[in-house]
Amino acid sequence: MNGVHSLIRHVRYIVAQIFGAYFACLLVYAQYKDLIELVDEELAAKGLLETIQFTPNGTGGILALYAPPGANLARTFLNEFVSDTVIGLAIWGCLDPTNVLVPPPVGPWIIGLAYSVVIWGFSPPGLAANSARDVGGRLAALSIWGLKASGGKYAALAALTNIPAMLFAALLYEFFLTDSLRVMSSAHLESMIGHQKYQEQHGAPSHHVLSGNGRKRASSMGSTTKEQVRQMENYTKA
């Protein structure tokens, strides 16, 4: 049953992300609707609306992501894949419980900075970096302007490329950057203990986060951490 509950939770999370982006974009459109229509009227008067509207420089680009006019999609794909791989490596580095340089509270900040650097440096050729943001924004644009806001072939590239790129980043990190001899940091262990206790107190499915190799790696740490391991084992046995 835990596997079914976990799958449902993941699906619910994905749907929430997409529709969160969708409604956020609709809210932005409602807030700026008068100005957006004013810009569209000016572009239409100059005969540029159809050429510019659904590009990064047009009003459609406020909500959805579009490739620059005349962009080579092969190079756009390369830019997207490499950028997403860099983000994935940062994420896996933050999730690694043996990474003593990144305690759990710092992880979100590092991941956010990784996204920021990639967007600031590599967004001009075309960069989505997030399926939820891309799909949610594109659905909002389709709801407002119809099928002409679909984005053509770039829509599939923007929505899907980050998925294989993240998997590739995970393989790179696990096979080349992680060290199986490193032990779990005390900060990560303390965080896992807190999550375990919260799950038990609120009746959530219990997952033994320390078992097998994880327990062996943690058992070679200092006396304070060994005490934390004993606390964790007491919690999971309760």
C-alpha atoms as a PDB file:
ATOM      1  CA  MET A   1       0.000   0.000   0.000  1.00  0.00           C
ATOM      2  CA  ASN A   2       2.864   2.400   0.695  1.00  0.00           C
ATOM      3  CA  GLY A   3       3.907   2.245  -2.969  1.00  0.00           C
ATOM      4  CA  VAL A   4       0.371   3.102  -4.134  1.00  0.00           C
ATOM      5  CA  HIS A   5       0.141   5.979  -1.649  1.00  0.00           C
ATOM      6  CA  SER A   6       3.522   7.251  -2.781  1.00  0.00           C
ATOM      7  CA  LEU A   7       2.504   7.128  -6.472  1.00  0.00           C
ATOM      8  CA  ILE A   8      -0.750   8.983  -5.759  1.00  0.00           C
ATOM      9  CA  ARG A   9       1.143  11.607  -3.795  1.00  0.00           C
ATOM     10  CA  HIS A  10       3.617  12.139  -6.669  1.00  0.00           C
ATOM     11  CA  VAL A  11       0.820  12.461  -9.235  1.00  0.00           C
ATOM     12  CA  ARG A  12      -1.021  14.890  -6.981  1.00  0.00           C
ATOM     13  CA  TYR A  13       2.170  16.914  -6.573  1.00  0.00           C
ATOM     14  CA  ILE A  14       2.742  17.122 -10.347  1.00  0.00           C
ATOM     15  CA  VAL A  15      -0.863  18.184 -10.986  1.00  0.00           C
ATOM     16  CA  ALA A  16      -0.654  20.788  -8.222  1.00  0.00           C
ATOM     17  CA  GLN A  17       2.538  22.237  -9.722  1.00  0.00           C
ATOM     18  CA  ILE A  18       1.094  22.508 -13.231  1.00  0.00           C
ATOM     19  CA  PHE A  19      -2.204  24.042 -12.160  1.00  0.00           C
ATOM     20  CA  GLY A  20      -0.422  26.287  -9.666  1.00  0.00           C
ATOM     21  CA  ALA A  21       1.557  27.742 -12.581  1.00  0.00           C
ATOM     22  CA  TYR A  22      -1.624  27.876 -14.684  1.00  0.00           C
ATOM     23  CA  PHE A  23      -3.624  29.895 -12.180  1.00  0.00           C
ATOM     24  CA  ALA A  24      -0.635  32.105 -11.337  1.00  0.00           C
ATOM     25  CA  CYS A  25      -0.273  33.037 -15.012  1.00  0.00           C
ATOM     26  CA  LEU A  26      -3.999  33.745 -15.312  1.00  0.00           C
ATOM     27  CA  LEU A  27      -3.742  35.988 -12.258  1.00  0.00           C
ATOM     28  CA  VAL A  28      -0.819  37.888 -13.810  1.00  0.00           C
ATOM     29  CA  TYR A  29      -2.839  38.309 -17.015  1.00  0.00           C
ATOM     30  CA  ALA A  30      -5.839  39.621 -15.079  1.00  0.00           C
ATOM     31  CA  GLN A  31      -3.649  42.116 -13.238  1.00  0.00           C
ATOM     32  CA  TYR A  32      -1.984  43.431 -16.409  1.00  0.00           C
ATOM     33  CA  LYS A  33      -4.814  42.852 -18.898  1.00  0.00           C
ATOM     34  CA  ASP A  34      -5.357  46.540 -19.720  1.00  0.00           C
ATOM     35  CA  LEU A  35      -1.655  47.120 -20.400  1.00  0.00           C
ATOM     36  CA  ILE A  36      -1.336  43.891 -22.414  1.00  0.00           C
ATOM     37  CA  GLU A  37      -4.258  44.863 -24.624  1.00  0.00           C
ATOM     38  CA  LEU A  38      -2.799  48.353 -25.067  1.00  0.00           C
ATOM     39  CA  VAL A  39       0.508  46.879 -26.264  1.00  0.00           C
ATOM     40  CA  ASP A  40      -1.325  44.490 -28.615  1.00  0.00           C
ATOM     41  CA  GLU A  41      -3.291  47.394 -30.084  1.00  0.00           C
ATOM     42  CA  GLU A  42      -0.085  49.340 -30.736  1.00  0.00           C
ATOM     43  CA  LEU A  43       1.585  46.324 -32.337  1.00  0.00           C
ATOM     44  CA  ALA A  44      -1.502  45.671 -34.480  1.00  0.00           C
ATOM     45  CA  ALA A  45      -1.533  49.299 -35.632  1.00  0.00           C
ATOM     46  CA  LYS A  46       2.066  48.903 -36.808  1.00  0.00           C
ATOM     47  CA  GLY A  47       1.363  45.536 -38.434  1.00  0.00           C
ATOM     48  CA  LEU A  48       3.697  43.679 -36.046  1.00  0.00           C
ATOM     49  CA  LEU A  49       1.258  41.833 -33.791  1.00  0.00           C
ATOM     50  CA  GLU A  50       1.233  38.502 -35.647  1.00  0.00           C
ATOM     51  CA  THR A  51       5.023  38.567 -35.993  1.00  0.00           C
ATOM     52  CA  ILE A  52       5.930  39.432 -32.399  1.00  0.00           C
ATOM     53  CA  GLN A  53       3.044  38.387 -30.142  1.00  0.00           C
ATOM     54  CA  PHE A  54       4.071  34.784 -29.559  1.00  0.00           C
ATOM     55  CA  THR A  55       7.794  35.297 -29.154  1.00  0.00           C
ATOM     56  CA  PRO A  56       9.908  36.056 -26.046  1.00  0.00           C
ATOM     57  CA  ASN A  57       9.438  39.771 -26.852  1.00  0.00           C
ATOM     58  CA  GLY A  58       5.664  39.643 -27.342  1.00  0.00           C
ATOM     59  CA  THR A  59       2.741  39.766 -24.938  1.00  0.00           C
ATOM     60  CA  GLY A  60       2.245  36.002 -25.269  1.00  0.00           C
ATOM     61  CA  GLY A  61       5.789  35.562 -23.955  1.00  0.00           C
ATOM     62  CA  ILE A  62       4.720  37.097 -20.652  1.00  0.00           C
ATOM     63  CA  LEU A  63       2.879  33.878 -19.796  1.00  0.00           C
ATOM     64  CA  ALA A  64       4.267  31.111 -22.018  1.00  0.00           C
ATOM     65  CA  LEU A  65       7.767  30.244 -23.194  1.00  0.00           C
ATOM     66  CA  TYR A  66       8.662  30.613 -26.875  1.00  0.00           C
ATOM     67  CA  ALA A  67      11.849  30.152 -28.875  1.00  0.00           C
ATOM     68  CA  PRO A  68      13.369  33.291 -30.411  1.00  0.00           C
ATOM     69  CA  PRO A  69      12.336  33.874 -34.058  1.00  0.00           C
ATOM     70  CA  GLY A  70      14.554  31.912 -36.425  1.00  0.00           C
ATOM     71  CA  ALA A  71      16.089  29.836 -33.613  1.00  0.00           C
ATOM     72  CA  ASN A  72      17.748  26.544 -34.520  1.00  0.00           C
ATOM     73  CA  LEU A  73      15.820  23.986 -32.459  1.00  0.00           C
ATOM     74  CA  ALA A  74      18.758  21.557 -32.359  1.00  0.00           C
ATOM     75  CA  ARG A  75      20.937  24.170 -30.652  1.00  0.00           C
ATOM     76  CA  THR A  76      18.010  25.220 -28.479  1.00  0.00           C
ATOM     77  CA  PHE A  77      17.666  21.587 -27.376  1.00  0.00           C
ATOM     78  CA  LEU A  78      21.396  21.422 -26.600  1.00  0.00           C
ATOM     79  CA  ASN A  79      21.175  24.609 -24.531  1.00  0.00           C
ATOM     80  CA  GLU A  80      18.152  23.265 -22.653  1.00  0.00           C
ATOM     81  CA  PHE A  81      19.689  19.846 -22.012  1.00  0.00           C
ATOM     82  CA  VAL A  82      23.048  21.152 -20.748  1.00  0.00           C
ATOM     83  CA  SER A  83      21.419  23.831 -18.577  1.00  0.00           C
ATOM     84  CA  ASP A  84      18.976  21.351 -17.039  1.00  0.00           C
ATOM     85  CA  THR A  85      21.820  18.906 -16.390  1.00  0.00           C
ATOM     86  CA  VAL A  86      23.698  21.575 -14.422  1.00  0.00           C
ATOM     87  CA  ILE A  87      20.566  22.251 -12.365  1.00  0.00           C
ATOM     88  CA  GLY A  88      20.123  18.505 -11.810  1.00  0.00           C
ATOM     89  CA  LEU A  89      23.680  18.139 -10.524  1.00  0.00           C
ATOM     90  CA  ALA A  90      23.058  20.954  -8.043  1.00  0.00           C
ATOM     91  CA  ILE A  91      19.835  19.287  -6.880  1.00  0.00           C
ATOM     92  CA  TRP A  92      21.456  15.873  -6.419  1.00  0.00           C
ATOM     93  CA  GLY A  93      24.354  17.460  -4.567  1.00  0.00           C
ATOM     94  CA  CYS A  94      21.888  19.037  -2.151  1.00  0.00           C
ATOM     95  CA  LEU A  95      19.929  15.796  -1.720  1.00  0.00           C
ATOM     96  CA  ASP A  96      23.047  13.721  -1.015  1.00  0.00           C
ATOM     97  CA  PRO A  97      22.897  12.923   2.750  1.00  0.00           C
ATOM     98  CA  THR A  98      26.681  12.453   2.830  1.00  0.00           C
ATOM     99  CA  ASN A  99      27.393  15.949   1.483  1.00  0.00           C
ATOM    100  CA  VAL A 100      28.676  17.742   4.584  1.00  0.00           C
ATOM    101  CA  LEU A 101      28.951  21.054   2.707  1.00  0.00           C
ATOM    102  CA  VAL A 102      25.180  21.349   2.224  1.00  0.00           C
ATOM    103  CA  PRO A 103      23.024  20.852   5.341  1.00  0.00           C
ATOM    104  CA  PRO A 104      19.292  20.432   4.583  1.00  0.00           C
ATOM    105  CA  PRO A 105      18.220  24.040   5.398  1.00  0.00           C
ATOM    106  CA  VAL A 106      20.741  25.392   2.864  1.00  0.00           C
ATOM    107  CA  GLY A 107      19.645  23.098   0.017  1.00  0.00           C
ATOM    108  CA  PRO A 108      16.694  25.208  -1.244  1.00  0.00           C
ATOM    109  CA  TRP A 109      18.891  28.303  -1.408  1.00  0.00           C
ATOM    110  CA  ILE A 110      21.571  26.553  -3.468  1.00  0.00           C
ATOM    111  CA  ILE A 111      18.998  25.032  -5.827  1.00  0.00           C
ATOM    112  CA  GLY A 112      17.345  28.433  -6.238  1.00  0.00           C
ATOM    113  CA  LEU A 113      20.702  30.048  -7.006  1.00  0.00           C
ATOM    114  CA  ALA A 114      21.487  27.304  -9.534  1.00  0.00           C
ATOM    115  CA  TYR A 115      18.212  28.031 -11.334  1.00  0.00           C
ATOM    116  CA  SER A 116      18.941  31.773 -11.204  1.00  0.00           C
ATOM    117  CA  VAL A 117      22.439  31.470 -12.662  1.00  0.00           C
ATOM    118  CA  VAL A 118      21.257  29.202 -15.484  1.00  0.00           C
ATOM    119  CA  ILE A 119      18.323  31.494 -16.318  1.00  0.00           C
ATOM    120  CA  TRP A 120      20.432  34.664 -16.215  1.00  0.00           C
ATOM    121  CA  GLY A 121      23.161  33.151 -18.350  1.00  0.00           C
ATOM    122  CA  PHE A 122      21.413  30.831 -20.809  1.00  0.00           C
ATOM    123  CA  SER A 123      17.760  31.835 -21.234  1.00  0.00           C
ATOM    124  CA  PRO A 124      18.187  33.982 -24.431  1.00  0.00           C
ATOM    125  CA  PRO A 125      18.529  30.927 -26.770  1.00  0.00           C
ATOM    126  CA  GLY A 126      15.422  29.393 -25.166  1.00  0.00           C
ATOM    127  CA  LEU A 127      15.174  27.782 -21.743  1.00  0.00           C
ATOM    128  CA  ALA A 128      12.263  26.268 -19.817  1.00  0.00           C
ATOM    129  CA  ALA A 129      14.073  24.251 -17.092  1.00  0.00           C
ATOM    130  CA  ASN A 130      10.779  23.234 -15.512  1.00  0.00           C
ATOM    131  CA  SER A 131       7.912  21.251 -17.047  1.00  0.00           C
ATOM    132  CA  ALA A 132       5.343  22.593 -14.600  1.00  0.00           C
ATOM    133  CA  ARG A 133       6.209  26.226 -15.341  1.00  0.00           C
ATOM    134  CA  ASP A 134       6.208  25.596 -19.087  1.00  0.00           C
ATOM    135  CA  VAL A 135       3.029  23.507 -19.293  1.00  0.00           C
ATOM    136  CA  GLY A 136       1.105  25.667 -16.824  1.00  0.00           C
ATOM    137  CA  GLY A 137       2.042  28.886 -18.617  1.00  0.00           C
ATOM    138  CA  ARG A 138       1.293  27.428 -22.041  1.00  0.00           C
ATOM    139  CA  LEU A 139      -2.132  26.200 -20.920  1.00  0.00           C
ATOM    140  CA  ALA A 140      -2.847  29.699 -19.651  1.00  0.00           C
ATOM    141  CA  ALA A 141      -1.804  31.218 -22.994  1.00  0.00           C
ATOM    142  CA  LEU A 142      -3.955  28.679 -24.864  1.00  0.00           C
ATOM    143  CA  SER A 143      -6.907  29.520 -22.625  1.00  0.00           C
ATOM    144  CA  ILE A 144      -6.560  33.230 -23.484  1.00  0.00           C
ATOM    145  CA  TRP A 145      -5.439  33.305 -27.139  1.00  0.00           C
ATOM    146  CA  GLY A 146      -6.353  29.857 -28.462  1.00  0.00           C
ATOM    147  CA  LEU A 147      -4.267  27.404 -30.496  1.00  0.00           C
ATOM    148  CA  LYS A 148      -2.146  30.135 -32.082  1.00  0.00           C
ATOM    149  CA  ALA A 149      -0.368  30.372 -28.708  1.00  0.00           C
ATOM    150  CA  SER A 150       0.706  26.700 -28.784  1.00  0.00           C
ATOM    151  CA  GLY A 151       4.370  27.394 -29.555  1.00  0.00           C
ATOM    152  CA  GLY A 152       4.735  24.829 -32.342  1.00  0.00           C
ATOM    153  CA  LYS A 153       7.525  22.254 -32.151  1.00  0.00           C
ATOM    154  CA  TYR A 154       9.299  24.177 -29.401  1.00  0.00           C
ATOM    155  CA  ALA A 155       6.436  23.381 -26.998  1.00  0.00           C
ATOM    156  CA  ALA A 156       7.400  19.698 -26.812  1.00  0.00           C
ATOM    157  CA  LEU A 157      11.097  20.548 -26.466  1.00  0.00           C
ATOM    158  CA  ALA A 158      10.444  22.976 -23.612  1.00  0.00           C
ATOM    159  CA  ALA A 159       8.084  20.673 -21.739  1.00  0.00           C
ATOM    160  CA  LEU A 160      10.000  17.397 -22.019  1.00  0.00           C
ATOM    161  CA  THR A 161      13.758  18.024 -22.326  1.00  0.00           C
ATOM    162  CA  ASN A 162      14.312  18.642 -18.625  1.00  0.00           C
ATOM    163  CA  ILE A 163      13.084  15.119 -17.770  1.00  0.00           C
ATOM    164  CA  PRO A 164      15.865  13.111 -19.517  1.00  0.00           C
ATOM    165  CA  ALA A 165      18.340  15.839 -18.550  1.00  0.00           C
ATOM    166  CA  MET A 166      17.531  15.375 -14.859  1.00  0.00           C
ATOM    167  CA  LEU A 167      17.864  11.597 -15.188  1.00  0.00           C
ATOM    168  CA  PHE A 168      21.225  12.080 -16.909  1.00  0.00           C
ATOM    169  CA  ALA A 169      22.344  14.412 -14.102  1.00  0.00           C
ATOM    170  CA  ALA A 170      21.357  11.782 -11.527  1.00  0.00           C
ATOM    171  CA  LEU A 171      23.455   9.145 -13.319  1.00  0.00           C
ATOM    172  CA  LEU A 172      26.419  11.509 -13.561  1.00  0.00           C
ATOM    173  CA  TYR A 173      26.240  12.327  -9.872  1.00  0.00           C
ATOM    174  CA  GLU A 174      25.721   8.779  -8.628  1.00  0.00           C
ATOM    175  CA  PHE A 175      28.407   7.186 -10.811  1.00  0.00           C
ATOM    176  CA  PHE A 176      31.083   9.890 -10.925  1.00  0.00           C
ATOM    177  CA  LEU A 177      30.618  12.458  -8.165  1.00  0.00           C
ATOM    178  CA  THR A 178      29.350  10.605  -5.110  1.00  0.00           C
ATOM    179  CA  ASP A 179      31.573   8.537  -2.823  1.00  0.00           C
ATOM    180  CA  SER A 180      30.190   5.331  -1.358  1.00  0.00           C
ATOM    181  CA  LEU A 181      32.741   5.483   1.462  1.00  0.00           C
ATOM    182  CA  ARG A 182      31.440   8.776   2.836  1.00  0.00           C
ATOM    183  CA  VAL A 183      29.196   8.644   5.880  1.00  0.00           C
ATOM    184  CA  MET A 184      25.934  10.443   6.464  1.00  0.00           C
ATOM    185  CA  SER A 185      26.323  13.928   7.906  1.00  0.00           C
ATOM    186  CA  SER A 186      24.863  14.618  11.336  1.00  0.00           C
ATOM    187  CA  ALA A 187      22.732  17.461   9.912  1.00  0.00           C
ATOM    188  CA  HIS A 188      21.050  15.152   7.399  1.00  0.00           C
ATOM    189  CA  LEU A 189      20.589  12.451  10.004  1.00  0.00           C
ATOM    190  CA  GLU A 190      18.948  14.903  12.391  1.00  0.00           C
ATOM    191  CA  SER A 191      16.611  16.034   9.605  1.00  0.00           C
ATOM    192  CA  MET A 192      15.634  12.437   8.825  1.00  0.00           C
ATOM    193  CA  ILE A 193      14.928  11.771  12.489  1.00  0.00           C
ATOM    194  CA  GLY A 194      12.636  14.794  12.563  1.00  0.00           C
ATOM    195  CA  HIS A 195      10.752  13.613   9.469  1.00  0.00           C
ATOM    196  CA  GLN A 196      10.414  10.113  10.885  1.00  0.00           C
ATOM    197  CA  LYS A 197       9.016  11.390  14.160  1.00  0.00           C
ATOM    198  CA  TYR A 198       6.564  13.682  12.369  1.00  0.00           C
ATOM    199  CA  GLN A 199       5.284  10.782  10.260  1.00  0.00           C
ATOM    200  CA  GLU A 200       4.726   8.629  13.299  1.00  0.00           C
ATOM    201  CA  GLN A 201       2.978  11.362  15.281  1.00  0.00           C
ATOM    202  CA  HIS A 202       0.598  12.154  12.410  1.00  0.00           C
ATOM    203  CA  GLY A 203      -0.146   8.591  11.337  1.00  0.00           C
ATOM    204  CA  ALA A 204       1.642   8.871   7.985  1.00  0.00           C
ATOM    205  CA  PRO A 205       3.173   5.759   6.377  1.00  0.00           C
ATOM    206  CA  SER A 206       6.478   5.055   8.112  1.00  0.00           C
ATOM    207  CA  HIS A 207       9.615   4.671   6.001  1.00  0.00           C
ATOM    208  CA  HIS A 208      12.769   3.322   7.614  1.00  0.00           C
ATOM    209  CA  VAL A 209      15.317   5.799   6.346  1.00  0.00           C
ATOM    210  CA  LEU A 210      18.209   3.978   7.975  1.00  0.00           C
ATOM    211  CA  SER A 211      18.645   0.392   6.900  1.00  0.00           C
ATOM    212  CA  GLY A 212      21.319  -1.763   5.341  1.00  0.00           C
ATOM    213  CA  ASN A 213      24.212   0.268   3.957  1.00  0.00           C
ATOM    214  CA  GLY A 214      22.739   3.490   5.330  1.00  0.00           C
ATOM    215  CA  ARG A 215      22.974   2.194   8.892  1.00  0.00           C
ATOM    216  CA  LYS A 216      26.494   0.849   8.311  1.00  0.00           C
ATOM    217  CA  ARG A 217      27.682   4.183   6.961  1.00  0.00           C
ATOM    218  CA  ALA A 218      26.092   6.117   9.815  1.00  0.00           C
ATOM    219  CA  SER A 219      27.458   3.740  12.455  1.00  0.00           C
ATOM    220  CA  SER A 220      31.038   4.760  11.679  1.00  0.00           C
ATOM    221  CA  MET A 221      30.393   8.363  12.712  1.00  0.00           C
ATOM    222  CA  GLY A 222      31.093  10.058  16.045  1.00  0.00           C
ATOM    223  CA  SER A 223      29.455   9.285  19.392  1.00  0.00           C
ATOM    224  CA  THR A 224      26.845  12.062  19.054  1.00  0.00           C
ATOM    225  CA  THR A 225      25.689  10.752  15.701  1.00  0.00           C
ATOM    226  CA  LYS A 226      25.672   7.173  16.977  1.00  0.00           C
ATOM    227  CA  GLU A 227      23.260   8.305  19.663  1.00  0.00           C
ATOM    228  CA  GLN A 228      21.085   9.827  16.947  1.00  0.00           C
ATOM    229  CA  VAL A 229      21.175   6.529  15.068  1.00  0.00           C
ATOM    230  CA  ARG A 230      20.001   4.734  18.219  1.00  0.00           C
ATOM    231  CA  GLN A 231      17.195   7.269  18.582  1.00  0.00           C
ATOM    232  CA  MET A 232      16.152   6.674  14.993  1.00  0.00           C
ATOM    233  CA  GLU A 233      16.137   2.917  15.462  1.00  0.00           C
ATOM    234  CA  ASN A 234      14.032   3.323  18.612  1.00  0.00           C
ATOM    235  CA  TYR A 235      11.549   5.450  16.664  1.00  0.00           C
ATOM    236  CA  THR A 236      11.277   2.951  13.787  1.00  0.00           C
ATOM    237  CA  LYS A 237      10.803   0.023  16.158  1.00  0.00           C
ATOM    238  CA  ALA A 238       8.093   1.769  18.194  1.00  0.00           C
END
